């Protein structure tokens, strides 16, 4: 797969990790537009928001739980 975010999640491209577990990675944006600018990505490839369906909607919900935890 040629997905930039999949390569970051797999560790093929380095990132400044803020949080990581077996399902989600949160890291600092390399071109921040705010003093704190983080990206939260699933480790499972999801093509786009349009591709969210019953098979991965729980994961997307979990990402929001992680975002809330990291934001505190």
N, C-alpha and C. Protein backbone atom coordinates (compact mmCIF):
# COMPACT_ATOMS: atom_id res chain seq x y z
N UNK A 1 0.84 -1.18 0.00
CA UNK A 1 0.00 0.00 0.00
C UNK A 1 0.88 1.24 0.00
N UNK A 2 0.45 2.25 -0.70
CA UNK A 2 1.24 3.46 -0.85
C UNK A 2 0.67 4.61 -0.03
N UNK A 3 0.02 4.30 1.06
CA UNK A 3 -0.63 5.30 1.90
C UNK A 3 0.39 5.89 2.89
N UNK A 4 0.54 7.20 2.87
CA UNK A 4 1.47 7.89 3.76
C UNK A 4 1.17 7.58 5.22
N UNK A 5 -0.10 7.64 5.60
CA UNK A 5 -0.45 7.41 7.00
C UNK A 5 -0.23 5.96 7.42
N UNK A 6 -0.43 5.01 6.52
CA UNK A 6 -0.13 3.61 6.83
C UNK A 6 1.36 3.43 7.07
N UNK A 7 2.17 4.11 6.28
CA UNK A 7 3.63 4.04 6.46
C UNK A 7 4.05 4.65 7.79
N UNK A 8 3.41 5.74 8.18
CA UNK A 8 3.70 6.34 9.49
C UNK A 8 3.28 5.39 10.60
N UNK A 9 2.08 4.82 10.50
CA UNK A 9 1.58 3.89 11.52
C UNK A 9 2.47 2.66 11.64
N UNK A 10 3.03 2.21 10.53
CA UNK A 10 3.90 1.03 10.53
C UNK A 10 5.33 1.35 10.97
N UNK A 11 5.63 2.63 11.15
CA UNK A 11 6.98 3.02 11.55
C UNK A 11 7.96 3.14 10.40
N UNK A 12 7.47 3.03 9.17
CA UNK A 12 8.34 3.17 8.00
C UNK A 12 8.75 4.62 7.78
N UNK A 13 7.91 5.55 8.22
CA UNK A 13 8.20 6.97 8.18
C UNK A 13 8.18 7.44 9.63
N UNK A 14 9.24 8.11 10.10
CA UNK A 14 9.29 8.53 11.50
C UNK A 14 8.26 9.61 11.82
N UNK A 15 7.84 9.63 13.08
CA UNK A 15 6.90 10.65 13.55
C UNK A 15 7.21 10.97 15.01
N UNK A 16 6.76 12.14 15.43
CA UNK A 16 6.90 12.55 16.84
C UNK A 16 5.65 12.07 17.57
N UNK A 17 5.72 10.85 18.08
CA UNK A 17 4.56 10.20 18.70
C UNK A 17 4.20 10.87 20.02
N UNK A 18 2.89 11.06 20.21
CA UNK A 18 2.35 11.60 21.44
C UNK A 18 1.59 10.51 22.19
N UNK A 19 0.95 9.62 21.45
CA UNK A 19 0.18 8.52 22.02
C UNK A 19 0.16 7.39 20.99
N UNK A 20 0.24 6.15 21.51
CA UNK A 20 0.14 5.00 20.61
C UNK A 20 -0.40 3.81 21.38
N UNK A 21 -1.29 3.09 20.75
CA UNK A 21 -1.72 1.79 21.25
C UNK A 21 -1.83 0.87 20.05
N UNK A 22 -2.44 -0.28 20.21
CA UNK A 22 -2.50 -1.24 19.11
C UNK A 22 -3.45 -0.83 17.99
N UNK A 23 -4.28 0.22 18.21
CA UNK A 23 -5.27 0.60 17.21
C UNK A 23 -5.11 2.01 16.65
N UNK A 24 -4.44 2.89 17.42
CA UNK A 24 -4.39 4.32 17.08
C UNK A 24 -3.00 4.88 17.31
N UNK A 25 -2.64 5.86 16.49
CA UNK A 25 -1.39 6.60 16.67
C UNK A 25 -1.73 8.09 16.62
N UNK A 26 -1.21 8.84 17.59
CA UNK A 26 -1.35 10.29 17.62
C UNK A 26 0.06 10.87 17.57
N UNK A 27 0.28 11.80 16.66
CA UNK A 27 1.62 12.37 16.50
C UNK A 27 1.53 13.84 16.12
N UNK A 28 2.66 14.54 16.29
CA UNK A 28 2.72 15.97 15.98
C UNK A 28 2.76 16.17 14.47
N UNK A 29 2.00 17.15 14.00
CA UNK A 29 2.00 17.50 12.58
C UNK A 29 3.35 18.11 12.23
N UNK A 30 3.90 17.76 11.07
CA UNK A 30 5.21 18.29 10.69
C UNK A 30 5.13 19.74 10.20
N UNK A 31 3.95 20.21 9.86
CA UNK A 31 3.72 21.59 9.45
C UNK A 31 2.55 22.17 10.25
N UNK A 32 2.74 22.38 11.54
CA UNK A 32 1.62 22.80 12.38
C UNK A 32 1.10 24.19 12.00
N UNK A 33 -0.20 24.36 12.14
CA UNK A 33 -0.83 25.66 11.90
C UNK A 33 -1.38 26.24 13.20
N UNK A 34 -1.03 25.61 14.31
CA UNK A 34 -1.41 26.07 15.64
C UNK A 34 -0.29 25.67 16.59
N UNK A 35 -0.21 26.29 17.76
CA UNK A 35 0.84 25.91 18.72
C UNK A 35 0.83 24.42 19.06
N UNK A 36 -0.35 23.84 19.15
CA UNK A 36 -0.47 22.38 19.34
C UNK A 36 -1.30 21.87 18.17
N UNK A 37 -0.68 21.04 17.33
CA UNK A 37 -1.36 20.51 16.14
C UNK A 37 -0.99 19.03 16.05
N UNK A 38 -1.93 18.18 16.40
CA UNK A 38 -1.71 16.74 16.42
C UNK A 38 -2.59 16.06 15.39
N UNK A 39 -2.14 14.92 14.91
CA UNK A 39 -2.92 14.09 14.00
C UNK A 39 -3.19 12.76 14.69
N UNK A 40 -4.41 12.28 14.61
CA UNK A 40 -4.79 10.98 15.16
C UNK A 40 -5.23 10.10 14.00
N UNK A 41 -4.58 8.96 13.86
CA UNK A 41 -4.88 8.06 12.74
C UNK A 41 -5.10 6.64 13.24
N UNK A 42 -5.95 5.90 12.54
CA UNK A 42 -6.09 4.48 12.87
C UNK A 42 -4.91 3.72 12.28
N UNK A 43 -4.54 2.64 12.91
CA UNK A 43 -3.48 1.80 12.34
C UNK A 43 -4.03 0.91 11.23
N UNK A 44 -5.32 0.76 11.20
CA UNK A 44 -6.00 0.04 10.11
C UNK A 44 -6.30 1.04 9.00
N UNK A 45 -5.98 0.71 7.78
CA UNK A 45 -6.22 1.63 6.66
C UNK A 45 -7.70 1.85 6.43
N UNK A 46 -8.09 3.12 6.40
CA UNK A 46 -9.44 3.53 6.00
C UNK A 46 -9.24 4.56 4.90
N UNK A 47 -9.72 4.28 3.73
CA UNK A 47 -9.46 5.10 2.54
C UNK A 47 -9.86 6.56 2.74
N UNK A 48 -11.05 6.80 3.30
CA UNK A 48 -11.54 8.16 3.51
C UNK A 48 -12.72 8.10 4.47
N UNK A 49 -13.23 9.26 4.85
CA UNK A 49 -14.41 9.30 5.71
C UNK A 49 -15.59 8.61 5.01
N UNK A 50 -15.65 8.72 3.71
CA UNK A 50 -16.72 8.06 2.95
C UNK A 50 -16.66 6.54 3.07
N UNK A 51 -15.50 6.00 3.43
CA UNK A 51 -15.33 4.56 3.53
C UNK A 51 -15.70 4.01 4.91
N UNK A 52 -16.08 4.88 5.84
CA UNK A 52 -16.48 4.41 7.17
C UNK A 52 -17.82 3.69 7.04
N UNK A 53 -17.85 2.47 7.57
CA UNK A 53 -19.07 1.66 7.52
C UNK A 53 -19.16 0.82 8.79
N UNK A 54 -20.06 -0.12 8.81
CA UNK A 54 -20.27 -0.95 10.00
C UNK A 54 -19.01 -1.71 10.41
N UNK A 55 -18.13 -2.00 9.47
CA UNK A 55 -16.94 -2.78 9.78
C UNK A 55 -15.87 -1.98 10.52
N UNK A 56 -15.93 -0.65 10.44
CA UNK A 56 -14.89 0.14 11.09
C UNK A 56 -15.42 1.33 11.90
N UNK A 57 -16.72 1.45 12.04
CA UNK A 57 -17.28 2.61 12.75
C UNK A 57 -16.91 2.59 14.23
N UNK A 58 -16.76 1.42 14.84
CA UNK A 58 -16.35 1.35 16.24
C UNK A 58 -14.93 1.90 16.40
N UNK A 59 -14.06 1.60 15.46
CA UNK A 59 -12.70 2.12 15.49
C UNK A 59 -12.69 3.64 15.40
N UNK A 60 -13.51 4.19 14.54
CA UNK A 60 -13.59 5.65 14.40
C UNK A 60 -14.07 6.27 15.71
N UNK A 61 -15.06 5.66 16.34
CA UNK A 61 -15.51 6.14 17.65
C UNK A 61 -14.41 6.07 18.69
N UNK A 62 -13.63 4.99 18.66
CA UNK A 62 -12.51 4.83 19.59
C UNK A 62 -11.47 5.93 19.38
N UNK A 63 -11.23 6.31 18.13
CA UNK A 63 -10.27 7.39 17.86
C UNK A 63 -10.70 8.67 18.57
N UNK A 64 -12.00 8.97 18.55
CA UNK A 64 -12.48 10.17 19.24
C UNK A 64 -12.28 10.06 20.75
N UNK A 65 -12.40 8.87 21.31
CA UNK A 65 -12.12 8.66 22.73
C UNK A 65 -10.65 8.95 23.03
N UNK A 66 -9.77 8.48 22.17
CA UNK A 66 -8.34 8.74 22.33
C UNK A 66 -8.05 10.24 22.21
N UNK A 67 -8.66 10.90 21.24
CA UNK A 67 -8.46 12.34 21.06
C UNK A 67 -8.84 13.08 22.34
N UNK A 68 -9.96 12.73 22.93
CA UNK A 68 -10.39 13.39 24.17
C UNK A 68 -9.38 13.17 25.29
N UNK A 69 -8.83 11.96 25.38
CA UNK A 69 -7.83 11.64 26.40
C UNK A 69 -6.55 12.45 26.17
N UNK A 70 -6.09 12.51 24.94
CA UNK A 70 -4.84 13.22 24.62
C UNK A 70 -5.01 14.73 24.82
N UNK A 71 -6.20 15.24 24.56
CA UNK A 71 -6.45 16.68 24.67
C UNK A 71 -6.39 17.18 26.11
N UNK A 72 -6.56 16.29 27.08
CA UNK A 72 -6.55 16.71 28.49
C UNK A 72 -5.19 16.98 28.95
